[in-house]
Amino acid sequence: MLTHSFSIIGLGKVGTSILETFLNTGNKLVGVSTRNEISGEKVASKYNCLFESIPEHILRADIIIIATNDASIKEIGAGIISKTDGVVAHTSGALSSRIFSPHKGRVSIHPVFPVYEKFMNLSGKRFTIEGDEKGLEVSREILKGINGKFSTIDVGKKPLYHLASIVGSNFITSVAYLCAEIYKISGLDEDVAIEIVGETFSAIKKSGIYNALTGPVERGDTDTIRMDIEAIKDYPDVRKFILPLFELTTKLAKKKGIGDEKISGIMDVLAHYHFS
């Protein structure tokens, strides 16, 4: 297994999780950099590495990973690409590696999962990578070392990819929140929402998206759909999200193969409530 020396700029949830995971698979941590000196010195002391508020000596690493917010990446990259022969990487899902041009050895490494706390173990997780030949080679070697799964994406598709990631993570969390709010109105607590969302993902993983779809839309049960919408007539902030979700679920049910007559009946019900 090939290993590399690396440095991390930015010690938030993503930066510290990459640090911990890469270090635990035999890679060498040269140093860290962050604007928060107390945090940086604490991490440097714990891992016996360099801390620099302004990156200099830590740029001697094989790969320098910028794990800051998107707004800071381009500025940080511009300040270091002329000072290193190593690969310069960032962890943004929206930005491409082109922001580091013309540096030879550039790559973006984006985790395709929510990194919700510091020092998470990222071994075995999925990443999406994009970059030049040198950057891709080094990132593949490191990700293979952590038993990571990875996909390579074309630079021009990065914004679409990022939107899909938002839908698959952030929007799913928002739908879980909506589910919890409706359960609360009905007298149940958030744990029920967490449980049903978890069970649904288990079903999707086991049987696929289409086969996991159940419920009144999948059955073409217009009476139940009408009853459900009527139940939230006094909750306009909930209703405005529910109607589009019913429409989206109807499209999914159509792809699953329910008949046109049932689809038409559901759309008639939804149209009534859109204009009522």
C-alpha atoms as a PDB file:
ATOM      1  CA  MET A   1       0.000   0.000   0.000  1.00  0.00           C
ATOM      2  CA  LEU A   2       1.397   3.377  -1.055  1.00  0.00           C
ATOM      3  CA  THR A   3       1.424   6.106   1.598  1.00  0.00           C
ATOM      4  CA  HIS A   4       2.006   9.832   1.367  1.00  0.00           C
ATOM      5  CA  SER A   5       2.891  12.789   3.531  1.00  0.00           C
ATOM      6  CA  PHE A   6       0.079  15.311   3.876  1.00  0.00           C
ATOM      7  CA  SER A   7      -0.840  18.607   5.480  1.00  0.00           C
ATOM      8  CA  ILE A   8      -4.262  19.999   6.329  1.00  0.00           C
ATOM      9  CA  ILE A   9      -5.385  23.618   6.063  1.00  0.00           C
ATOM     10  CA  GLY A  10      -8.619  24.065   7.987  1.00  0.00           C
ATOM     11  CA  LEU A  11      -9.511  22.079  11.100  1.00  0.00           C
ATOM     12  CA  GLY A  12     -13.283  21.873  10.977  1.00  0.00           C
ATOM     13  CA  LYS A  13     -15.292  18.664  10.748  1.00  0.00           C
ATOM     14  CA  VAL A  14     -13.973  17.657   7.319  1.00  0.00           C
ATOM     15  CA  GLY A  15     -10.361  18.644   7.960  1.00  0.00           C
ATOM     16  CA  THR A  16     -10.028  16.841  11.285  1.00  0.00           C
ATOM     17  CA  SER A  17     -11.812  13.741   9.958  1.00  0.00           C
ATOM     18  CA  ILE A  18      -9.482  13.514   6.947  1.00  0.00           C
ATOM     19  CA  LEU A  19      -6.521  14.069   9.265  1.00  0.00           C
ATOM     20  CA  GLU A  20      -7.521  11.262  11.615  1.00  0.00           C
ATOM     21  CA  THR A  21      -8.398   8.797   8.861  1.00  0.00           C
ATOM     22  CA  PHE A  22      -5.381   9.395   6.619  1.00  0.00           C
ATOM     23  CA  LEU A  23      -3.017   9.263   9.598  1.00  0.00           C
ATOM     24  CA  ASN A  24      -4.465   5.990  10.841  1.00  0.00           C
ATOM     25  CA  THR A  25      -3.739   4.301   7.505  1.00  0.00           C
ATOM     26  CA  GLY A  26       0.000   4.942   7.488  1.00  0.00           C
ATOM     27  CA  ASN A  27       0.227   8.363   5.886  1.00  0.00           C
ATOM     28  CA  LYS A  28       2.501  10.950   7.509  1.00  0.00           C
ATOM     29  CA  LEU A  29       1.060  14.209   8.830  1.00  0.00           C
ATOM     30  CA  VAL A  30       3.535  17.040   8.197  1.00  0.00           C
ATOM     31  CA  GLY A  31       1.463  19.827   9.699  1.00  0.00           C
ATOM     32  CA  VAL A  32      -1.744  21.771  10.051  1.00  0.00           C
ATOM     33  CA  SER A  33      -2.812  25.352   9.472  1.00  0.00           C
ATOM     34  CA  THR A  34      -5.841  27.232  10.744  1.00  0.00           C
ATOM     35  CA  ARG A  35      -6.785  30.782  11.685  1.00  0.00           C
ATOM     36  CA  ASN A  36      -7.677  29.583  15.174  1.00  0.00           C
ATOM     37  CA  GLU A  37      -4.225  29.361  16.797  1.00  0.00           C
ATOM     38  CA  ILE A  38      -5.490  27.694  19.980  1.00  0.00           C
ATOM     39  CA  SER A  39      -7.163  24.926  17.972  1.00  0.00           C
ATOM     40  CA  GLY A  40      -4.184  24.578  15.655  1.00  0.00           C
ATOM     41  CA  GLU A  41      -1.626  24.315  18.442  1.00  0.00           C
ATOM     42  CA  LYS A  42      -3.797  21.806  20.297  1.00  0.00           C
ATOM     43  CA  VAL A  43      -4.040  19.538  17.235  1.00  0.00           C
ATOM     44  CA  ALA A  44      -0.327  19.936  16.453  1.00  0.00           C
ATOM     45  CA  SER A  45       0.571  18.947  20.006  1.00  0.00           C
ATOM     46  CA  LYS A  46      -1.730  15.928  19.945  1.00  0.00           C
ATOM     47  CA  TYR A  47      -0.358  14.618  16.636  1.00  0.00           C
ATOM     48  CA  ASN A  48       3.237  15.806  17.057  1.00  0.00           C
ATOM     49  CA  CYS A  49       3.259  17.842  13.851  1.00  0.00           C
ATOM     50  CA  LEU A  50       3.892  21.428  12.751  1.00  0.00           C
ATOM     51  CA  PHE A  51       1.358  24.215  13.216  1.00  0.00           C
ATOM     52  CA  GLU A  52       1.553  27.341  11.075  1.00  0.00           C
ATOM     53  CA  SER A  53      -1.059  30.075  10.927  1.00  0.00           C
ATOM     54  CA  ILE A  54       0.477  31.048   7.580  1.00  0.00           C
ATOM     55  CA  PRO A  55       1.376  27.865   5.640  1.00  0.00           C
ATOM     56  CA  GLU A  56       5.079  27.592   4.782  1.00  0.00           C
ATOM     57  CA  HIS A  57       7.001  24.541   6.006  1.00  0.00           C
ATOM     58  CA  ILE A  58       3.887  22.362   5.933  1.00  0.00           C
ATOM     59  CA  LEU A  59       3.848  22.851   2.147  1.00  0.00           C
ATOM     60  CA  ARG A  60       6.645  20.272   1.858  1.00  0.00           C
ATOM     61  CA  ALA A  61       4.052  17.489   2.026  1.00  0.00           C
ATOM     62  CA  ASP A  62       3.156  15.272  -0.934  1.00  0.00           C
ATOM     63  CA  ILE A  63      -0.394  16.598  -0.774  1.00  0.00           C
ATOM     64  CA  ILE A  64      -1.781  19.747   0.854  1.00  0.00           C
ATOM     65  CA  ILE A  65      -5.507  19.532   1.544  1.00  0.00           C
ATOM     66  CA  ILE A  66      -7.520  22.725   1.919  1.00  0.00           C
ATOM     67  CA  ALA A  67     -10.585  21.832   3.993  1.00  0.00           C
ATOM     68  CA  THR A  68     -12.020  25.293   4.615  1.00  0.00           C
ATOM     69  CA  ASN A  69     -15.303  26.873   3.539  1.00  0.00           C
ATOM     70  CA  ASP A  70     -15.688  27.368  -0.203  1.00  0.00           C
ATOM     71  CA  ALA A  71     -15.269  31.141  -0.027  1.00  0.00           C
ATOM     72  CA  SER A  72     -11.711  30.801   1.308  1.00  0.00           C
ATOM     73  CA  ILE A  73     -10.362  28.022  -0.913  1.00  0.00           C
ATOM     74  CA  LYS A  74      -9.393  30.055  -3.974  1.00  0.00           C
ATOM     75  CA  GLU A  75      -7.578  32.700  -1.915  1.00  0.00           C
ATOM     76  CA  ILE A  76      -5.673  30.110   0.116  1.00  0.00           C
ATOM     77  CA  GLY A  77      -4.780  28.175  -3.024  1.00  0.00           C
ATOM     78  CA  ALA A  78      -3.463  31.276  -4.756  1.00  0.00           C
ATOM     79  CA  GLY A  79      -1.160  31.869  -1.814  1.00  0.00           C
ATOM     80  CA  ILE A  80       0.414  28.407  -1.802  1.00  0.00           C
ATOM     81  CA  ILE A  81       0.537  26.981  -5.340  1.00  0.00           C
ATOM     82  CA  SER A  82       3.756  28.829  -6.166  1.00  0.00           C
ATOM     83  CA  LYS A  83       5.410  27.528  -2.975  1.00  0.00           C
ATOM     84  CA  THR A  84       4.938  23.787  -3.388  1.00  0.00           C
ATOM     85  CA  ASP A  85       5.611  20.997  -5.861  1.00  0.00           C
ATOM     86  CA  GLY A  86       3.091  18.785  -4.075  1.00  0.00           C
ATOM     87  CA  VAL A  87      -0.497  18.089  -4.993  1.00  0.00           C
ATOM     88  CA  VAL A  88      -2.877  20.838  -3.894  1.00  0.00           C
ATOM     89  CA  ALA A  89      -6.345  19.538  -3.039  1.00  0.00           C
ATOM     90  CA  HIS A  90      -9.600  20.919  -1.715  1.00  0.00           C
ATOM     91  CA  THR A  91     -12.708  19.247  -0.290  1.00  0.00           C
ATOM     92  CA  SER A  92     -15.447  21.353  -1.881  1.00  0.00           C
ATOM     93  CA  GLY A  93     -18.234  19.599  -3.717  1.00  0.00           C
ATOM     94  CA  ALA A  94     -19.128  22.696  -5.747  1.00  0.00           C
ATOM     95  CA  LEU A  95     -15.711  24.051  -6.806  1.00  0.00           C
ATOM     96  CA  SER A  96     -13.458  22.329  -9.321  1.00  0.00           C
ATOM     97  CA  SER A  97      -9.704  21.858  -9.166  1.00  0.00           C
ATOM     98  CA  ARG A  98      -9.327  24.421 -11.947  1.00  0.00           C
ATOM     99  CA  ILE A  99      -9.205  27.166  -9.345  1.00  0.00           C
ATOM    100  CA  PHE A 100      -5.614  25.997  -8.725  1.00  0.00           C
ATOM    101  CA  SER A 101      -4.580  26.282 -12.400  1.00  0.00           C
ATOM    102  CA  PRO A 102      -1.923  26.261 -13.761  1.00  0.00           C
ATOM    103  CA  HIS A 103      -0.452  24.260 -10.858  1.00  0.00           C
ATOM    104  CA  LYS A 104       0.452  20.726 -11.898  1.00  0.00           C
ATOM    105  CA  GLY A 105      -0.911  18.385  -9.298  1.00  0.00           C
ATOM    106  CA  ARG A 106      -4.393  19.608  -8.397  1.00  0.00           C
ATOM    107  CA  VAL A 107      -7.490  17.727  -7.315  1.00  0.00           C
ATOM    108  CA  SER A 108     -10.805  18.054  -5.491  1.00  0.00           C
ATOM    109  CA  ILE A 109     -11.714  15.290  -3.039  1.00  0.00           C
ATOM    110  CA  HIS A 110     -15.325  15.531  -1.878  1.00  0.00           C
ATOM    111  CA  PRO A 111     -16.926  13.204   0.693  1.00  0.00           C
ATOM    112  CA  VAL A 112     -20.273  11.919  -0.612  1.00  0.00           C
ATOM    113  CA  PHE A 113     -21.814  11.696   2.858  1.00  0.00           C
ATOM    114  CA  PRO A 114     -22.505  14.066   5.740  1.00  0.00           C
ATOM    115  CA  VAL A 115     -19.444  14.720   7.885  1.00  0.00           C
ATOM    116  CA  TYR A 116     -21.420  15.732  10.949  1.00  0.00           C
ATOM    117  CA  GLU A 117     -18.720  15.798  13.619  1.00  0.00           C
ATOM    118  CA  LYS A 118     -14.976  16.268  14.050  1.00  0.00           C
ATOM    119  CA  PHE A 119     -12.522  13.355  13.878  1.00  0.00           C
ATOM    120  CA  MET A 120     -14.962  10.981  12.152  1.00  0.00           C
ATOM    121  CA  ASN A 121     -13.564   7.756  10.778  1.00  0.00           C
ATOM    122  CA  LEU A 122     -13.922   8.046   6.991  1.00  0.00           C
ATOM    123  CA  SER A 123     -12.536   4.598   6.166  1.00  0.00           C
ATOM    124  CA  GLY A 124     -14.655   2.734   3.627  1.00  0.00           C
ATOM    125  CA  LYS A 125     -16.696   5.821   2.721  1.00  0.00           C
ATOM    126  CA  ARG A 126     -17.411   7.147  -0.780  1.00  0.00           C
ATOM    127  CA  PHE A 127     -15.674  10.171  -2.297  1.00  0.00           C
ATOM    128  CA  THR A 128     -15.848  11.949  -5.639  1.00  0.00           C
ATOM    129  CA  ILE A 129     -12.585  13.150  -7.162  1.00  0.00           C
ATOM    130  CA  GLU A 130     -11.754  15.452 -10.058  1.00  0.00           C
ATOM    131  CA  GLY A 131      -8.410  16.879 -11.137  1.00  0.00           C
ATOM    132  CA  ASP A 132      -5.351  16.565 -13.359  1.00  0.00           C
ATOM    133  CA  GLU A 133      -3.396  13.334 -13.847  1.00  0.00           C
ATOM    134  CA  LYS A 134      -0.965  13.850 -10.973  1.00  0.00           C
ATOM    135  CA  GLY A 135      -3.672  14.948  -8.544  1.00  0.00           C
ATOM    136  CA  LEU A 136      -5.922  12.024  -9.407  1.00  0.00           C
ATOM    137  CA  GLU A 137      -3.091   9.518  -9.068  1.00  0.00           C
ATOM    138  CA  VAL A 138      -2.151  10.619  -5.552  1.00  0.00           C
ATOM    139  CA  SER A 139      -5.756  10.920  -4.364  1.00  0.00           C
ATOM    140  CA  ARG A 140      -6.592   7.431  -5.683  1.00  0.00           C
ATOM    141  CA  GLU A 141      -3.614   5.963  -3.832  1.00  0.00           C
ATOM    142  CA  ILE A 142      -4.649   7.581  -0.548  1.00  0.00           C
ATOM    143  CA  LEU A 143      -8.313   6.648  -0.898  1.00  0.00           C
ATOM    144  CA  LYS A 144      -7.445   3.044  -1.718  1.00  0.00           C
ATOM    145  CA  GLY A 145      -5.357   3.033   1.461  1.00  0.00           C
ATOM    146  CA  ILE A 146      -8.423   3.888   3.564  1.00  0.00           C
ATOM    147  CA  ASN A 147     -10.548   1.327   1.671  1.00  0.00           C
ATOM    148  CA  GLY A 148     -12.516   4.227   0.286  1.00  0.00           C
ATOM    149  CA  LYS A 149     -14.895   3.995  -2.649  1.00  0.00           C
ATOM    150  CA  PHE A 150     -14.488   6.747  -5.210  1.00  0.00           C
ATOM    151  CA  SER A 151     -15.899   8.031  -8.480  1.00  0.00           C
ATOM    152  CA  THR A 152     -14.195  10.384 -10.920  1.00  0.00           C
ATOM    153  CA  ILE A 153     -16.332  13.196 -12.315  1.00  0.00           C
ATOM    154  CA  ASP A 154     -15.869  15.488 -15.304  1.00  0.00           C
ATOM    155  CA  VAL A 155     -15.023  19.033 -14.270  1.00  0.00           C
ATOM    156  CA  GLY A 156     -17.962  20.466 -16.212  1.00  0.00           C
ATOM    157  CA  LYS A 157     -20.454  18.318 -14.289  1.00  0.00           C
ATOM    158  CA  LYS A 158     -19.315  19.435 -10.836  1.00  0.00           C
ATOM    159  CA  PRO A 159     -22.216  21.871 -10.152  1.00  0.00           C
ATOM    160  CA  LEU A 160     -24.830  19.233 -11.092  1.00  0.00           C
ATOM    161  CA  TYR A 161     -23.035  16.678  -8.957  1.00  0.00           C
ATOM    162  CA  HIS A 162     -23.044  19.087  -6.027  1.00  0.00           C
ATOM    163  CA  LEU A 163     -26.769  19.731  -6.400  1.00  0.00           C
ATOM    164  CA  ALA A 164     -27.419  15.981  -6.382  1.00  0.00           C
ATOM    165  CA  SER A 165     -25.371  15.721  -3.192  1.00  0.00           C
ATOM    166  CA  ILE A 166     -27.463  18.473  -1.598  1.00  0.00           C
ATOM    167  CA  VAL A 167     -30.657  16.632  -2.524  1.00  0.00           C
ATOM    168  CA  GLY A 168     -29.293  13.326  -1.205  1.00  0.00           C
ATOM    169  CA  SER A 169     -28.096  14.779   2.094  1.00  0.00           C
ATOM    170  CA  ASN A 170     -29.363  18.239   3.033  1.00  0.00           C
ATOM    171  CA  PHE A 171     -32.829  17.923   1.485  1.00  0.00           C
ATOM    172  CA  ILE A 172     -33.308  14.454   2.937  1.00  0.00           C
ATOM    173  CA  THR A 173     -32.557  15.927   6.357  1.00  0.00           C
ATOM    174  CA  SER A 174     -35.102  18.675   5.658  1.00  0.00           C
ATOM    175  CA  VAL A 175     -37.753  16.104   4.717  1.00  0.00           C
ATOM    176  CA  ALA A 176     -36.966  14.238   7.960  1.00  0.00           C
ATOM    177  CA  TYR A 177     -37.527  17.539   9.794  1.00  0.00           C
ATOM    178  CA  LEU A 178     -40.881  17.990   8.015  1.00  0.00           C
ATOM    179  CA  CYS A 179     -41.842  14.445   8.959  1.00  0.00           C
ATOM    180  CA  ALA A 180     -40.955  15.127  12.613  1.00  0.00           C
ATOM    181  CA  GLU A 181     -42.997  18.344  12.649  1.00  0.00           C
ATOM    182  CA  ILE A 182     -46.111  16.562  11.371  1.00  0.00           C
ATOM    183  CA  TYR A 183     -45.650  13.737  13.877  1.00  0.00           C
ATOM    184  CA  LYS A 184     -45.405  16.358  16.631  1.00  0.00           C
ATOM    185  CA  ILE A 185     -48.723  17.869  15.498  1.00  0.00           C
ATOM    186  CA  SER A 186     -50.241  14.379  15.725  1.00  0.00           C
ATOM    187  CA  GLY A 187     -48.867  13.904  19.251  1.00  0.00           C
ATOM    188  CA  LEU A 188     -45.789  11.768  18.529  1.00  0.00           C
ATOM    189  CA  ASP A 189     -42.150  12.681  19.043  1.00  0.00           C
ATOM    190  CA  GLU A 190     -39.115  13.060  16.801  1.00  0.00           C
ATOM    191  CA  ASP A 191     -37.884   9.510  17.484  1.00  0.00           C
ATOM    192  CA  VAL A 192     -40.717   8.141  15.349  1.00  0.00           C
ATOM    193  CA  ALA A 193     -39.582  10.283  12.406  1.00  0.00           C
ATOM    194  CA  ILE A 194     -35.991   9.153  12.798  1.00  0.00           C
ATOM    195  CA  GLU A 195     -37.097   5.523  12.915  1.00  0.00           C
ATOM    196  CA  ILE A 196     -39.305   5.634   9.803  1.00  0.00           C
ATOM    197  CA  VAL A 197     -36.672   7.502   7.792  1.00  0.00           C
ATOM    198  CA  GLY A 198     -34.072   4.924   8.818  1.00  0.00           C
ATOM    199  CA  GLU A 199     -36.368   2.033   7.877  1.00  0.00           C
ATOM    200  CA  THR A 200     -37.091   3.655   4.520  1.00  0.00           C
ATOM    201  CA  PHE A 201     -33.393   3.946   3.725  1.00  0.00           C
ATOM    202  CA  SER A 202     -32.933   0.318   4.685  1.00  0.00           C
ATOM    203  CA  ALA A 203     -35.681  -0.619   2.233  1.00  0.00           C
ATOM    204  CA  ILE A 204     -34.118   1.502  -0.526  1.00  0.00           C
ATOM    205  CA  LYS A 205     -30.732  -0.073   0.068  1.00  0.00           C
ATOM    206  CA  LYS A 206     -32.175  -3.584   0.049  1.00  0.00           C
ATOM    207  CA  SER A 207     -34.685  -3.367  -2.815  1.00  0.00           C
ATOM    208  CA  GLY A 208     -33.904  -0.185  -4.795  1.00  0.00           C
ATOM    209  CA  ILE A 209     -35.698   3.163  -5.080  1.00  0.00           C
ATOM    210  CA  TYR A 210     -38.733   2.045  -7.088  1.00  0.00           C
ATOM    211  CA  ASN A 211     -39.457  -1.113  -5.112  1.00  0.00           C
ATOM    212  CA  ALA A 212     -39.148   0.761  -1.811  1.00  0.00           C
ATOM    213  CA  LEU A 213     -42.028   3.074  -2.739  1.00  0.00           C
ATOM    214  CA  THR A 214     -45.222   2.160  -0.883  1.00  0.00           C
ATOM    215  CA  GLY A 215     -48.273   4.068   0.331  1.00  0.00           C
ATOM    216  CA  PRO A 216     -51.390   5.690  -1.132  1.00  0.00           C
ATOM    217  CA  VAL A 217     -49.720   7.203  -4.213  1.00  0.00           C
ATOM    218  CA  GLU A 218     -48.179   3.879  -5.196  1.00  0.00           C
ATOM    219  CA  ARG A 219     -51.633   2.280  -4.760  1.00  0.00           C
ATOM    220  CA  GLY A 220     -53.472   5.070  -6.558  1.00  0.00           C
ATOM    221  CA  ASP A 221     -55.618   5.614  -3.443  1.00  0.00           C
ATOM    222  CA  THR A 222     -57.095   9.065  -4.098  1.00  0.00           C
ATOM    223  CA  ASP A 223     -59.477   8.981  -1.106  1.00  0.00           C
ATOM    224  CA  THR A 224     -56.565   8.561   1.323  1.00  0.00           C
ATOM    225  CA  ILE A 225     -54.497  11.246  -0.426  1.00  0.00           C
ATOM    226  CA  ARG A 226     -57.437  13.649  -0.159  1.00  0.00           C
ATOM    227  CA  MET A 227     -57.877  12.803   3.544  1.00  0.00           C
ATOM    228  CA  ASP A 228     -54.176  13.389   4.233  1.00  0.00           C
ATOM    229  CA  ILE A 229     -54.192  16.797   2.542  1.00  0.00           C
ATOM    230  CA  GLU A 230     -57.366  17.799   4.394  1.00  0.00           C
ATOM    231  CA  ALA A 231     -55.615  16.939   7.677  1.00  0.00           C
ATOM    232  CA  ILE A 232     -53.145  19.800   7.150  1.00  0.00           C
ATOM    233  CA  LYS A 233     -55.606  22.458   5.956  1.00  0.00           C
ATOM    234  CA  ASP A 234     -54.959  24.466   9.134  1.00  0.00           C
ATOM    235  CA  TYR A 235     -51.184  24.213   8.703  1.00  0.00           C
ATOM    236  CA  PRO A 236     -50.306  26.229   5.572  1.00  0.00           C
ATOM    237  CA  ASP A 237     -46.549  26.129   6.255  1.00  0.00           C
ATOM    238  CA  VAL A 238     -46.713  22.336   6.094  1.00  0.00           C
ATOM    239  CA  ARG A 239     -49.140  22.138   3.178  1.00  0.00           C
ATOM    240  CA  LYS A 240     -46.982  24.220   0.834  1.00  0.00           C
ATOM    241  CA  PHE A 241     -44.259  21.550   1.047  1.00  0.00           C
ATOM    242  CA  ILE A 242     -46.562  18.533   1.002  1.00  0.00           C
ATOM    243  CA  LEU A 243     -48.258  19.194  -2.338  1.00  0.00           C
ATOM    244  CA  PRO A 244     -44.992  19.295  -4.361  1.00  0.00           C
ATOM    245  CA  LEU A 245     -43.840  16.128  -2.579  1.00  0.00           C
ATOM    246  CA  PHE A 246     -47.077  14.389  -3.563  1.00  0.00           C
ATOM    247  CA  GLU A 247     -46.429  15.471  -7.164  1.00  0.00           C
ATOM    248  CA  LEU A 248     -42.873  14.158  -7.097  1.00  0.00           C
ATOM    249  CA  THR A 249     -44.027  10.880  -5.560  1.00  0.00           C
ATOM    250  CA  THR A 250     -46.630  10.571  -8.307  1.00  0.00           C
ATOM    251  CA  LYS A 251     -43.894  10.860 -10.944  1.00  0.00           C
ATOM    252  CA  LEU A 252     -41.955   8.143  -9.141  1.00  0.00           C
ATOM    253  CA  ALA A 253     -45.052   5.934  -8.999  1.00  0.00           C
ATOM    254  CA  LYS A 254     -45.543   6.420 -12.734  1.00  0.00           C
ATOM    255  CA  LYS A 255     -41.979   5.286 -13.369  1.00  0.00           C
ATOM    256  CA  LYS A 256     -42.652   2.291 -11.158  1.00  0.00           C
ATOM    257  CA  GLY A 257     -45.497   1.394 -13.492  1.00  0.00           C
ATOM    258  CA  ILE A 258     -48.845   2.240 -11.913  1.00  0.00           C
ATOM    259  CA  GLY A 259     -51.562   2.822 -14.518  1.00  0.00           C
ATOM    260  CA  ASP A 260     -52.318   6.090 -16.294  1.00  0.00           C
ATOM    261  CA  GLU A 261     -55.862   6.126 -14.911  1.00  0.00           C
ATOM    262  CA  LYS A 262     -54.578   6.123 -11.330  1.00  0.00           C
ATOM    263  CA  ILE A 263     -51.984   8.784 -12.154  1.00  0.00           C
ATOM    264  CA  SER A 264     -54.669  10.977 -13.694  1.00  0.00           C
ATOM    265  CA  GLY A 265     -56.888  10.580 -10.621  1.00  0.00           C
ATOM    266  CA  ILE A 266     -54.063  11.599  -8.266  1.00  0.00           C
ATOM    267  CA  MET A 267     -53.179  14.642 -10.391  1.00  0.00           C
ATOM    268  CA  ASP A 268     -56.830  15.750 -10.375  1.00  0.00           C
ATOM    269  CA  VAL A 269     -56.861  15.623  -6.574  1.00  0.00           C
ATOM    270  CA  LEU A 270     -53.613  17.605  -6.318  1.00  0.00           C
ATOM    271  CA  ALA A 271     -54.828  20.179  -8.862  1.00  0.00           C
ATOM    272  CA  HIS A 272     -57.936  20.772  -6.758  1.00  0.00           C
ATOM    273  CA  TYR A 273     -55.852  21.637  -3.698  1.00  0.00           C
ATOM    274  CA  HIS A 274     -53.400  23.777  -5.658  1.00  0.00           C
ATOM    275  CA  PHE A 275     -56.218  26.058  -6.731  1.00  0.00           C
ATOM    276  CA  SER A 276     -58.413  25.851  -3.654  1.00  0.00           C
END
